[in-house]
Amino acid sequence: AEARRRVRLVGVFVRESTDEIAAAMRRA
C-alpha cells in the first residue's frame, strides 16, 4: 500500500483496442 500511494503503474500497449486496454488495466 505505501509504495502504491507513491509509485504510478503504467501499461504500455501497441495494437490493442481501447476496450481491450481498459479491461487489462483494470485487471492489473
mmCIF file of all heavy atoms, coordinates in Angstrom:
data_MODEL
# 
_entry.id   MODEL 
# 
loop_
_atom_site.group_PDB 
_atom_site.id 
_atom_site.type_symbol 
_atom_site.label_atom_id 
_atom_site.label_alt_id 
_atom_site.label_comp_id 
_atom_site.label_asym_id 
_atom_site.label_entity_id 
_atom_site.label_seq_id 
_atom_site.pdbx_PDB_ins_code 
_atom_site.Cartn_x 
_atom_site.Cartn_y 
_atom_site.Cartn_z 
_atom_site.occupancy 
_atom_site.B_iso_or_equiv 
_atom_site.pdbx_formal_charge 
_atom_site.auth_seq_id 
_atom_site.auth_comp_id 
_atom_site.auth_asym_id 
_atom_site.auth_atom_id 
_atom_site.pdbx_PDB_model_num 
ATOM 1   N N   . ALA A 1 1  ? 0.810   -1.218  0.000   1.00 0.00 ? 1  ALA A N   1 
ATOM 2   C CA  . ALA A 1 1  ? 0.000   0.000   0.000   1.00 0.00 ? 1  ALA A CA  1 
ATOM 3   C C   . ALA A 1 1  ? 0.845   1.271   0.000   1.00 0.00 ? 1  ALA A C   1 
ATOM 4   O O   . ALA A 1 1  ? 0.537   2.234   -0.706  1.00 0.00 ? 1  ALA A O   1 
ATOM 5   C CB  . ALA A 1 1  ? -0.936  -0.004  1.199   1.00 0.00 ? 1  ALA A CB  1 
ATOM 6   N N   . GLU A 1 2  ? 1.912   1.292   0.776   1.00 0.00 ? 2  GLU A N   1 
ATOM 7   C CA  . GLU A 1 2  ? 2.730   2.513   0.862   1.00 0.00 ? 2  GLU A CA  1 
ATOM 8   C C   . GLU A 1 2  ? 3.354   2.859   -0.486  1.00 0.00 ? 2  GLU A C   1 
ATOM 9   O O   . GLU A 1 2  ? 3.290   4.004   -0.951  1.00 0.00 ? 2  GLU A O   1 
ATOM 10  C CB  . GLU A 1 2  ? 3.820   2.351   1.918   1.00 0.00 ? 2  GLU A CB  1 
ATOM 11  C CG  . GLU A 1 2  ? 4.666   3.607   2.098   1.00 0.00 ? 2  GLU A CG  1 
ATOM 12  C CD  . GLU A 1 2  ? 5.728   3.446   3.165   1.00 0.00 ? 2  GLU A CD  1 
ATOM 13  O OE1 . GLU A 1 2  ? 5.678   2.484   3.949   1.00 0.00 ? 2  GLU A OE1 1 
ATOM 14  O OE2 . GLU A 1 2  ? 6.626   4.307   3.205   1.00 0.00 ? 2  GLU A OE2 1 
ATOM 15  N N   . ALA A 1 3  ? 3.954   1.871   -1.135  1.00 0.00 ? 3  ALA A N   1 
ATOM 16  C CA  . ALA A 1 3  ? 4.564   2.107   -2.446  1.00 0.00 ? 3  ALA A CA  1 
ATOM 17  C C   . ALA A 1 3  ? 3.511   2.488   -3.478  1.00 0.00 ? 3  ALA A C   1 
ATOM 18  O O   . ALA A 1 3  ? 3.746   3.346   -4.333  1.00 0.00 ? 3  ALA A O   1 
ATOM 19  C CB  . ALA A 1 3  ? 5.330   0.869   -2.902  1.00 0.00 ? 3  ALA A CB  1 
ATOM 20  N N   . ARG A 1 4  ? 2.338   1.871   -3.393  1.00 0.00 ? 4  ARG A N   1 
ATOM 21  C CA  . ARG A 1 4  ? 1.296   2.149   -4.382  1.00 0.00 ? 4  ARG A CA  1 
ATOM 22  C C   . ARG A 1 4  ? 0.738   3.561   -4.255  1.00 0.00 ? 4  ARG A C   1 
ATOM 23  O O   . ARG A 1 4  ? 0.192   4.109   -5.212  1.00 0.00 ? 4  ARG A O   1 
ATOM 24  C CB  . ARG A 1 4  ? 0.165   1.122   -4.280  1.00 0.00 ? 4  ARG A CB  1 
ATOM 25  C CG  . ARG A 1 4  ? 0.504   -0.220  -4.856  1.00 0.00 ? 4  ARG A CG  1 
ATOM 26  C CD  . ARG A 1 4  ? 0.765   -0.152  -6.369  1.00 0.00 ? 4  ARG A CD  1 
ATOM 27  N NE  . ARG A 1 4  ? -0.451  0.039   -7.119  1.00 0.00 ? 4  ARG A NE  1 
ATOM 28  C CZ  . ARG A 1 4  ? -0.724  1.089   -7.866  1.00 0.00 ? 4  ARG A CZ  1 
ATOM 29  N NH1 . ARG A 1 4  ? 0.148   2.078   -7.972  1.00 0.00 ? 4  ARG A NH1 1 
ATOM 30  N NH2 . ARG A 1 4  ? -1.860  1.167   -8.526  1.00 0.00 ? 4  ARG A NH2 1 
ATOM 31  N N   . ARG A 1 5  ? 0.867   4.154   -3.072  1.00 0.00 ? 5  ARG A N   1 
ATOM 32  C CA  . ARG A 1 5  ? 0.424   5.550   -2.936  1.00 0.00 ? 5  ARG A CA  1 
ATOM 33  C C   . ARG A 1 5  ? 1.374   6.500   -3.651  1.00 0.00 ? 5  ARG A C   1 
ATOM 34  O O   . ARG A 1 5  ? 0.985   7.608   -4.027  1.00 0.00 ? 5  ARG A O   1 
ATOM 35  C CB  . ARG A 1 5  ? 0.324   5.934   -1.458  1.00 0.00 ? 5  ARG A CB  1 
ATOM 36  C CG  . ARG A 1 5  ? -0.914  5.392   -0.756  1.00 0.00 ? 5  ARG A CG  1 
ATOM 37  C CD  . ARG A 1 5  ? -1.105  6.028   0.598   1.00 0.00 ? 5  ARG A CD  1 
ATOM 38  N NE  . ARG A 1 5  ? -0.098  5.589   1.557   1.00 0.00 ? 5  ARG A NE  1 
ATOM 39  C CZ  . ARG A 1 5  ? -0.228  4.510   2.334   1.00 0.00 ? 5  ARG A CZ  1 
ATOM 40  N NH1 . ARG A 1 5  ? -1.308  3.761   2.249   1.00 0.00 ? 5  ARG A NH1 1 
ATOM 41  N NH2 . ARG A 1 5  ? 0.727   4.176   3.191   1.00 0.00 ? 5  ARG A NH2 1 
ATOM 42  N N   . ARG A 1 6  ? 2.611   6.074   -3.852  1.00 0.00 ? 6  ARG A N   1 
ATOM 43  C CA  . ARG A 1 6  ? 3.629   6.960   -4.422  1.00 0.00 ? 6  ARG A CA  1 
ATOM 44  C C   . ARG A 1 6  ? 4.010   6.607   -5.856  1.00 0.00 ? 6  ARG A C   1 
ATOM 45  O O   . ARG A 1 6  ? 4.267   7.485   -6.682  1.00 0.00 ? 6  ARG A O   1 
ATOM 46  C CB  . ARG A 1 6  ? 4.878   6.920   -3.539  1.00 0.00 ? 6  ARG A CB  1 
ATOM 47  C CG  . ARG A 1 6  ? 5.951   7.907   -3.906  1.00 0.00 ? 6  ARG A CG  1 
ATOM 48  C CD  . ARG A 1 6  ? 7.120   7.814   -2.960  1.00 0.00 ? 6  ARG A CD  1 
ATOM 49  N NE  . ARG A 1 6  ? 7.660   6.468   -2.889  1.00 0.00 ? 6  ARG A NE  1 
ATOM 50  C CZ  . ARG A 1 6  ? 8.447   5.929   -3.826  1.00 0.00 ? 6  ARG A CZ  1 
ATOM 51  N NH1 . ARG A 1 6  ? 8.753   6.613   -4.910  1.00 0.00 ? 6  ARG A NH1 1 
ATOM 52  N NH2 . ARG A 1 6  ? 8.911   4.704   -3.694  1.00 0.00 ? 6  ARG A NH2 1 
ATOM 53  N N   . VAL A 1 7  ? 4.062   5.320   -6.167  1.00 0.00 ? 7  VAL A N   1 
ATOM 54  C CA  . VAL A 1 7  ? 4.533   4.870   -7.477  1.00 0.00 ? 7  VAL A CA  1 
ATOM 55  C C   . VAL A 1 7  ? 3.341   4.617   -8.388  1.00 0.00 ? 7  VAL A C   1 
ATOM 56  O O   . VAL A 1 7  ? 2.430   3.871   -8.041  1.00 0.00 ? 7  VAL A O   1 
ATOM 57  C CB  . VAL A 1 7  ? 5.379   3.586   -7.346  1.00 0.00 ? 7  VAL A CB  1 
ATOM 58  C CG1 . VAL A 1 7  ? 5.893   3.155   -8.713  1.00 0.00 ? 7  VAL A CG1 1 
ATOM 59  C CG2 . VAL A 1 7  ? 6.533   3.793   -6.382  1.00 0.00 ? 7  VAL A CG2 1 
ATOM 60  N N   . ARG A 1 8  ? 3.367   5.246   -9.549  1.00 0.00 ? 8  ARG A N   1 
ATOM 61  C CA  . ARG A 1 8  ? 2.300   5.050   -10.538 1.00 0.00 ? 8  ARG A CA  1 
ATOM 62  C C   . ARG A 1 8  ? 2.698   3.919   -11.479 1.00 0.00 ? 8  ARG A C   1 
ATOM 63  O O   . ARG A 1 8  ? 3.865   3.792   -11.864 1.00 0.00 ? 8  ARG A O   1 
ATOM 64  C CB  . ARG A 1 8  ? 2.076   6.327   -11.334 1.00 0.00 ? 8  ARG A CB  1 
ATOM 65  C CG  . ARG A 1 8  ? 1.821   7.561   -10.481 1.00 0.00 ? 8  ARG A CG  1 
ATOM 66  C CD  . ARG A 1 8  ? 0.373   7.700   -10.133 1.00 0.00 ? 8  ARG A CD  1 
ATOM 67  N NE  . ARG A 1 8  ? -0.374  8.239   -11.277 1.00 0.00 ? 8  ARG A NE  1 
ATOM 68  C CZ  . ARG A 1 8  ? -1.692  8.198   -11.372 1.00 0.00 ? 8  ARG A CZ  1 
ATOM 69  N NH1 . ARG A 1 8  ? -2.409  7.633   -10.434 1.00 0.00 ? 8  ARG A NH1 1 
ATOM 70  N NH2 . ARG A 1 8  ? -2.297  8.723   -12.414 1.00 0.00 ? 8  ARG A NH2 1 
ATOM 71  N N   . LEU A 1 9  ? 1.716   3.118   -11.862 1.00 0.00 ? 9  LEU A N   1 
ATOM 72  C CA  . LEU A 1 9  ? 1.974   1.954   -12.712 1.00 0.00 ? 9  LEU A CA  1 
ATOM 73  C C   . LEU A 1 9  ? 1.423   2.206   -14.112 1.00 0.00 ? 9  LEU A C   1 
ATOM 74  O O   . LEU A 1 9  ? 0.259   2.585   -14.269 1.00 0.00 ? 9  LEU A O   1 
ATOM 75  C CB  . LEU A 1 9  ? 1.346   0.706   -12.104 1.00 0.00 ? 9  LEU A CB  1 
ATOM 76  C CG  . LEU A 1 9  ? 1.780   0.390   -10.663 1.00 0.00 ? 9  LEU A CG  1 
ATOM 77  C CD1 . LEU A 1 9  ? 1.160   -0.923  -10.196 1.00 0.00 ? 9  LEU A CD1 1 
ATOM 78  C CD2 . LEU A 1 9  ? 3.303   0.358   -10.522 1.00 0.00 ? 9  LEU A CD2 1 
ATOM 79  N N   . VAL A 1 10 ? 2.278   1.975   -15.110 1.00 0.00 ? 10 VAL A N   1 
ATOM 80  C CA  . VAL A 1 10 ? 1.980   2.326   -16.497 1.00 0.00 ? 10 VAL A CA  1 
ATOM 81  C C   . VAL A 1 10 ? 1.885   1.059   -17.340 1.00 0.00 ? 10 VAL A C   1 
ATOM 82  O O   . VAL A 1 10 ? 2.791   0.222   -17.332 1.00 0.00 ? 10 VAL A O   1 
ATOM 83  C CB  . VAL A 1 10 ? 3.082   3.243   -17.071 1.00 0.00 ? 10 VAL A CB  1 
ATOM 84  C CG1 . VAL A 1 10 ? 2.759   3.646   -18.512 1.00 0.00 ? 10 VAL A CG1 1 
ATOM 85  C CG2 . VAL A 1 10 ? 3.274   4.479   -16.185 1.00 0.00 ? 10 VAL A CG2 1 
ATOM 86  N N   . GLY A 1 11 ? 0.801   0.932   -18.085 1.00 0.00 ? 11 GLY A N   1 
ATOM 87  C CA  . GLY A 1 11 ? 0.649   -0.169  -19.037 1.00 0.00 ? 11 GLY A CA  1 
ATOM 88  C C   . GLY A 1 11 ? 0.968   0.306   -20.438 1.00 0.00 ? 11 GLY A C   1 
ATOM 89  O O   . GLY A 1 11 ? 0.388   1.290   -20.909 1.00 0.00 ? 11 GLY A O   1 
ATOM 90  N N   . VAL A 1 12 ? 1.908   -0.368  -21.114 1.00 0.00 ? 12 VAL A N   1 
ATOM 91  C CA  . VAL A 1 12 ? 2.338   0.021   -22.455 1.00 0.00 ? 12 VAL A CA  1 
ATOM 92  C C   . VAL A 1 12 ? 1.659   -0.898  -23.474 1.00 0.00 ? 12 VAL A C   1 
ATOM 93  O O   . VAL A 1 12 ? 1.834   -2.121  -23.432 1.00 0.00 ? 12 VAL A O   1 
ATOM 94  C CB  . VAL A 1 12 ? 3.866   -0.061  -22.601 1.00 0.00 ? 12 VAL A CB  1 
ATOM 95  C CG1 . VAL A 1 12 ? 4.302   0.358   -24.006 1.00 0.00 ? 12 VAL A CG1 1 
ATOM 96  C CG2 . VAL A 1 12 ? 4.550   0.802   -21.535 1.00 0.00 ? 12 VAL A CG2 1 
ATOM 97  N N   . PHE A 1 13 ? 0.902   -0.297  -24.393 1.00 0.00 ? 13 PHE A N   1 
ATOM 98  C CA  . PHE A 1 13 ? 0.139   -1.048  -25.382 1.00 0.00 ? 13 PHE A CA  1 
ATOM 99  C C   . PHE A 1 13 ? 0.460   -0.548  -26.790 1.00 0.00 ? 13 PHE A C   1 
ATOM 100 O O   . PHE A 1 13 ? 0.651   0.651   -26.994 1.00 0.00 ? 13 PHE A O   1 
ATOM 101 C CB  . PHE A 1 13 ? -1.357  -0.889  -25.125 1.00 0.00 ? 13 PHE A CB  1 
ATOM 102 C CG  . PHE A 1 13 ? -1.808  -1.402  -23.776 1.00 0.00 ? 13 PHE A CG  1 
ATOM 103 C CD1 . PHE A 1 13 ? -1.781  -0.567  -22.662 1.00 0.00 ? 13 PHE A CD1 1 
ATOM 104 C CD2 . PHE A 1 13 ? -2.236  -2.710  -23.625 1.00 0.00 ? 13 PHE A CD2 1 
ATOM 105 C CE1 . PHE A 1 13 ? -2.187  -1.040  -21.417 1.00 0.00 ? 13 PHE A CE1 1 
ATOM 106 C CE2 . PHE A 1 13 ? -2.650  -3.185  -22.388 1.00 0.00 ? 13 PHE A CE2 1 
ATOM 107 C CZ  . PHE A 1 13 ? -2.621  -2.352  -21.280 1.00 0.00 ? 13 PHE A CZ  1 
ATOM 108 N N   . VAL A 1 14 ? 0.468   -1.461  -27.744 1.00 0.00 ? 14 VAL A N   1 
ATOM 109 C CA  . VAL A 1 14 ? 0.780   -1.103  -29.126 1.00 0.00 ? 14 VAL A CA  1 
ATOM 110 C C   . VAL A 1 14 ? -0.427  -1.271  -30.036 1.00 0.00 ? 14 VAL A C   1 
ATOM 111 O O   . VAL A 1 14 ? -0.788  -0.364  -30.776 1.00 0.00 ? 14 VAL A O   1 
ATOM 112 C CB  . VAL A 1 14 ? 1.967   -1.940  -29.661 1.00 0.00 ? 14 VAL A CB  1 
ATOM 113 C CG1 . VAL A 1 14 ? 2.233   -1.620  -31.126 1.00 0.00 ? 14 VAL A CG1 1 
ATOM 114 C CG2 . VAL A 1 14 ? 3.211   -1.687  -28.827 1.00 0.00 ? 14 VAL A CG2 1 
ATOM 115 N N   . ARG A 1 15 ? -1.093  -2.410  -29.978 1.00 0.00 ? 15 ARG A N   1 
ATOM 116 C CA  . ARG A 1 15 ? -2.101  -2.717  -31.006 1.00 0.00 ? 15 ARG A CA  1 
ATOM 117 C C   . ARG A 1 15 ? -3.506  -2.989  -30.494 1.00 0.00 ? 15 ARG A C   1 
ATOM 118 O O   . ARG A 1 15 ? -4.439  -3.127  -31.274 1.00 0.00 ? 15 ARG A O   1 
ATOM 119 C CB  . ARG A 1 15 ? -1.619  -3.896  -31.857 1.00 0.00 ? 15 ARG A CB  1 
ATOM 120 C CG  . ARG A 1 15 ? -1.364  -5.152  -31.086 1.00 0.00 ? 15 ARG A CG  1 
ATOM 121 C CD  . ARG A 1 15 ? -0.652  -6.203  -31.935 1.00 0.00 ? 15 ARG A CD  1 
ATOM 122 N NE  . ARG A 1 15 ? 0.789   -6.028  -31.881 1.00 0.00 ? 15 ARG A NE  1 
ATOM 123 C CZ  . ARG A 1 15 ? 1.598   -6.205  -32.911 1.00 0.00 ? 15 ARG A CZ  1 
ATOM 124 N NH1 . ARG A 1 15 ? 1.128   -6.546  -34.083 1.00 0.00 ? 15 ARG A NH1 1 
ATOM 125 N NH2 . ARG A 1 15 ? 2.886   -6.029  -32.779 1.00 0.00 ? 15 ARG A NH2 1 
ATOM 126 N N   . GLU A 1 16 ? -3.676  -3.078  -29.180 1.00 0.00 ? 16 GLU A N   1 
ATOM 127 C CA  . GLU A 1 16 ? -4.981  -3.439  -28.635 1.00 0.00 ? 16 GLU A CA  1 
ATOM 128 C C   . GLU A 1 16 ? -6.001  -2.310  -28.805 1.00 0.00 ? 16 GLU A C   1 
ATOM 129 O O   . GLU A 1 16 ? -5.649  -1.125  -28.875 1.00 0.00 ? 16 GLU A O   1 
ATOM 130 C CB  . GLU A 1 16 ? -4.861  -3.784  -27.143 1.00 0.00 ? 16 GLU A CB  1 
ATOM 131 C CG  . GLU A 1 16 ? -4.032  -5.020  -26.852 1.00 0.00 ? 16 GLU A CG  1 
ATOM 132 C CD  . GLU A 1 16 ? -2.548  -4.762  -26.814 1.00 0.00 ? 16 GLU A CD  1 
ATOM 133 O OE1 . GLU A 1 16 ? -2.110  -3.620  -27.108 1.00 0.00 ? 16 GLU A OE1 1 
ATOM 134 O OE2 . GLU A 1 16 ? -1.792  -5.692  -26.502 1.00 0.00 ? 16 GLU A OE2 1 
ATOM 135 N N   . SER A 1 17 ? -7.273  -2.678  -28.825 1.00 0.00 ? 17 SER A N   1 
ATOM 136 C CA  . SER A 1 17 ? -8.351  -1.682  -28.872 1.00 0.00 ? 17 SER A CA  1 
ATOM 137 C C   . SER A 1 17 ? -8.461  -1.004  -27.507 1.00 0.00 ? 17 SER A C   1 
ATOM 138 O O   . SER A 1 17 ? -7.958  -1.517  -26.495 1.00 0.00 ? 17 SER A O   1 
ATOM 139 C CB  . SER A 1 17 ? -9.683  -2.354  -29.211 1.00 0.00 ? 17 SER A CB  1 
ATOM 140 O OG  . SER A 1 17 ? -10.118 -3.163  -28.120 1.00 0.00 ? 17 SER A OG  1 
ATOM 141 N N   . THR A 1 18 ? -9.140  0.128   -27.475 1.00 0.00 ? 18 THR A N   1 
ATOM 142 C CA  . THR A 1 18 ? -9.290  0.824   -26.196 1.00 0.00 ? 18 THR A CA  1 
ATOM 143 C C   . THR A 1 18 ? -10.091 -0.007  -25.196 1.00 0.00 ? 18 THR A C   1 
ATOM 144 O O   . THR A 1 18 ? -9.812  0.035   -23.992 1.00 0.00 ? 18 THR A O   1 
ATOM 145 C CB  . THR A 1 18 ? -9.948  2.204   -26.386 1.00 0.00 ? 18 THR A CB  1 
ATOM 146 O OG1 . THR A 1 18 ? -11.188 2.055   -27.079 1.00 0.00 ? 18 THR A OG1 1 
ATOM 147 C CG2 . THR A 1 18 ? -9.031  3.143   -27.160 1.00 0.00 ? 18 THR A CG2 1 
ATOM 148 N N   . ASP A 1 19 ? -11.056 -0.782  -25.665 1.00 0.00 ? 19 ASP A N   1 
ATOM 149 C CA  . ASP A 1 19 ? -11.815 -1.657  -24.762 1.00 0.00 ? 19 ASP A CA  1 
ATOM 150 C C   . ASP A 1 19 ? -10.911 -2.727  -24.163 1.00 0.00 ? 19 ASP A C   1 
ATOM 151 O O   . ASP A 1 19 ? -10.978 -3.020  -22.958 1.00 0.00 ? 19 ASP A O   1 
ATOM 152 C CB  . ASP A 1 19 ? -12.982 -2.325  -25.491 1.00 0.00 ? 19 ASP A CB  1 
ATOM 153 C CG  . ASP A 1 19 ? -14.137 -1.366  -25.769 1.00 0.00 ? 19 ASP A CG  1 
ATOM 154 O OD1 . ASP A 1 19 ? -14.178 -0.283  -25.140 1.00 0.00 ? 19 ASP A OD1 1 
ATOM 155 O OD2 . ASP A 1 19 ? -14.982 -1.686  -26.617 1.00 0.00 ? 19 ASP A OD2 1 
ATOM 156 N N   . GLU A 1 20 ? -10.064 -3.319  -24.989 1.00 0.00 ? 20 GLU A N   1 
ATOM 157 C CA  . GLU A 1 20 ? -9.129  -4.340  -24.503 1.00 0.00 ? 20 GLU A CA  1 
ATOM 158 C C   . GLU A 1 20 ? -8.121  -3.733  -23.530 1.00 0.00 ? 20 GLU A C   1 
ATOM 159 O O   . GLU A 1 20 ? -7.773  -4.347  -22.505 1.00 0.00 ? 20 GLU A O   1 
ATOM 160 C CB  . GLU A 1 20 ? -8.398  -4.979  -25.684 1.00 0.00 ? 20 GLU A CB  1 
ATOM 161 C CG  . GLU A 1 20 ? -9.286  -5.862  -26.554 1.00 0.00 ? 20 GLU A CG  1 
ATOM 162 C CD  . GLU A 1 20 ? -8.618  -6.281  -27.840 1.00 0.00 ? 20 GLU A CD  1 
ATOM 163 O OE1 . GLU A 1 20 ? -7.772  -5.517  -28.368 1.00 0.00 ? 20 GLU A OE1 1 
ATOM 164 O OE2 . GLU A 1 20 ? -8.945  -7.381  -28.329 1.00 0.00 ? 20 GLU A OE2 1 
ATOM 165 N N   . ILE A 1 21 ? -7.664  -2.536  -23.838 1.00 0.00 ? 21 ILE A N   1 
ATOM 166 C CA  . ILE A 1 21 ? -6.710  -1.860  -22.955 1.00 0.00 ? 21 ILE A CA  1 
ATOM 167 C C   . ILE A 1 21 ? -7.347  -1.576  -21.602 1.00 0.00 ? 21 ILE A C   1 
ATOM 168 O O   . ILE A 1 21 ? -6.760  -1.849  -20.544 1.00 0.00 ? 21 ILE A O   1 
ATOM 169 C CB  . ILE A 1 21 ? -6.208  -0.557  -23.601 1.00 0.00 ? 21 ILE A CB  1 
ATOM 170 C CG1 . ILE A 1 21 ? -5.320  -0.878  -24.804 1.00 0.00 ? 21 ILE A CG1 1 
ATOM 171 C CG2 . ILE A 1 21 ? -5.444  0.296   -22.585 1.00 0.00 ? 21 ILE A CG2 1 
ATOM 172 C CD1 . ILE A 1 21 ? -4.971  0.332   -25.654 1.00 0.00 ? 21 ILE A CD1 1 
ATOM 173 N N   . ALA A 1 22 ? -8.543  -1.025  -21.605 1.00 0.00 ? 22 ALA A N   1 
ATOM 174 C CA  . ALA A 1 22 ? -9.219  -0.684  -20.346 1.00 0.00 ? 22 ALA A CA  1 
ATOM 175 C C   . ALA A 1 22 ? -9.436  -1.936  -19.491 1.00 0.00 ? 22 ALA A C   1 
ATOM 176 O O   . ALA A 1 22 ? -9.239  -1.902  -18.267 1.00 0.00 ? 22 ALA A O   1 
ATOM 177 C CB  . ALA A 1 22 ? -10.543 0.012   -20.627 1.00 0.00 ? 22 ALA A CB  1 
ATOM 178 N N   . ALA A 1 23 ? -9.818  -3.028  -20.128 1.00 0.00 ? 23 ALA A N   1 
ATOM 179 C CA  . ALA A 1 23 ? -10.038 -4.273  -19.386 1.00 0.00 ? 23 ALA A CA  1 
ATOM 180 C C   . ALA A 1 23 ? -8.740  -4.764  -18.747 1.00 0.00 ? 23 ALA A C   1 
ATOM 181 O O   . ALA A 1 23 ? -8.713  -5.174  -17.576 1.00 0.00 ? 23 ALA A O   1 
ATOM 182 C CB  . ALA A 1 23 ? -10.623 -5.339  -20.311 1.00 0.00 ? 23 ALA A CB  1 
ATOM 183 N N   . ALA A 1 24 ? -7.639  -4.720  -19.508 1.00 0.00 ? 24 ALA A N   1 
ATOM 184 C CA  . ALA A 1 24 ? -6.345  -5.153  -18.981 1.00 0.00 ? 24 ALA A CA  1 
ATOM 185 C C   . ALA A 1 24 ? -5.878  -4.241  -17.850 1.00 0.00 ? 24 ALA A C   1 
ATOM 186 O O   . ALA A 1 24 ? -5.349  -4.722  -16.833 1.00 0.00 ? 24 ALA A O   1 
ATOM 187 C CB  . ALA A 1 24 ? -5.312  -5.171  -20.106 1.00 0.00 ? 24 ALA A CB  1 
ATOM 188 N N   . MET A 1 25 ? -6.058  -2.968  -18.014 1.00 0.00 ? 25 MET A N   1 
ATOM 189 C CA  . MET A 1 25 ? -5.654  -2.011  -16.979 1.00 0.00 ? 25 MET A CA  1 
ATOM 190 C C   . MET A 1 25 ? -6.399  -2.258  -15.673 1.00 0.00 ? 25 MET A C   1 
ATOM 191 O O   . MET A 1 25 ? -5.813  -2.236  -14.589 1.00 0.00 ? 25 MET A O   1 
ATOM 192 C CB  . MET A 1 25 ? -5.910  -0.580  -17.472 1.00 0.00 ? 25 MET A CB  1 
ATOM 193 C CG  . MET A 1 25 ? -5.021  -0.124  -18.607 1.00 0.00 ? 25 MET A CG  1 
ATOM 194 S SD  . MET A 1 25 ? -3.317  0.229   -18.100 1.00 0.00 ? 25 MET A SD  1 
ATOM 195 C CE  . MET A 1 25 ? -3.556  1.718   -17.112 1.00 0.00 ? 25 MET A CE  1 
ATOM 196 N N   . ARG A 1 26 ? -7.697  -2.490  -15.768 1.00 0.00 ? 26 ARG A N   1 
ATOM 197 C CA  . ARG A 1 26 ? -8.486  -2.746  -14.563 1.00 0.00 ? 26 ARG A CA  1 
ATOM 198 C C   . ARG A 1 26 ? -8.061  -4.049  -13.893 1.00 0.00 ? 26 ARG A C   1 
ATOM 199 O O   . ARG A 1 26 ? -7.918  -4.108  -12.671 1.00 0.00 ? 26 ARG A O   1 
ATOM 200 C CB  . ARG A 1 26 ? -9.971  -2.784  -14.901 1.00 0.00 ? 26 ARG A CB  1 
ATOM 201 C CG  . ARG A 1 26 ? -10.592 -1.411  -15.143 1.00 0.00 ? 26 ARG A CG  1 
ATOM 202 C CD  . ARG A 1 26 ? -12.104 -1.480  -15.183 1.00 0.00 ? 26 ARG A CD  1 
ATOM 203 N NE  . ARG A 1 26 ? -12.588 -2.257  -16.325 1.00 0.00 ? 26 ARG A NE  1 
ATOM 204 C CZ  . ARG A 1 26 ? -12.878 -1.741  -17.508 1.00 0.00 ? 26 ARG A CZ  1 
ATOM 205 N NH1 . ARG A 1 26 ? -12.730 -0.432  -17.718 1.00 0.00 ? 26 ARG A NH1 1 
ATOM 206 N NH2 . ARG A 1 26 ? -13.317 -2.504  -18.487 1.00 0.00 ? 26 ARG A NH2 1 
ATOM 207 N N   . ARG A 1 27 ? -7.865  -5.094  -14.676 1.00 0.00 ? 27 ARG A N   1 
ATOM 208 C CA  . ARG A 1 27 ? -7.479  -6.391  -14.117 1.00 0.00 ? 27 ARG A CA  1 
ATOM 209 C C   . ARG A 1 27 ? -6.116  -6.335  -13.430 1.00 0.00 ? 27 ARG A C   1 
ATOM 210 O O   . ARG A 1 27 ? -5.896  -6.985  -12.401 1.00 0.00 ? 27 ARG A O   1 
ATOM 211 C CB  . ARG A 1 27 ? -7.475  -7.458  -15.207 1.00 0.00 ? 27 ARG A CB  1 
ATOM 212 C CG  . ARG A 1 27 ? -8.867  -7.933  -15.615 1.00 0.00 ? 27 ARG A CG  1 
ATOM 213 C CD  . ARG A 1 27 ? -8.818  -8.775  -16.870 1.00 0.00 ? 27 ARG A CD  1 
ATOM 214 N NE  . ARG A 1 27 ? -7.905  -9.914  -16.761 1.00 0.00 ? 27 ARG A NE  1 
ATOM 215 C CZ  . ARG A 1 27 ? -7.357  -10.537 -17.802 1.00 0.00 ? 27 ARG A CZ  1 
ATOM 216 N NH1 . ARG A 1 27 ? -7.614  -10.129 -19.040 1.00 0.00 ? 27 ARG A NH1 1 
ATOM 217 N NH2 . ARG A 1 27 ? -6.550  -11.565 -17.614 1.00 0.00 ? 27 ARG A NH2 1 
ATOM 218 N N   . ALA A 1 28 ? -5.197  -5.566  -14.003 1.00 0.00 ? 28 ALA A N   1 
ATOM 219 C CA  . ALA A 1 28 ? -3.849  -5.483  -13.439 1.00 0.00 ? 28 ALA A CA  1 
ATOM 220 C C   . ALA A 1 28 ? -3.727  -4.425  -12.342 1.00 0.00 ? 28 ALA A C   1 
ATOM 221 O O   . ALA A 1 28 ? -2.754  -4.432  -11.595 1.00 0.00 ? 28 ALA A O   1 
ATOM 222 C CB  . ALA A 1 28 ? -2.840  -5.188  -14.546 1.00 0.00 ? 28 ALA A CB  1 
# 
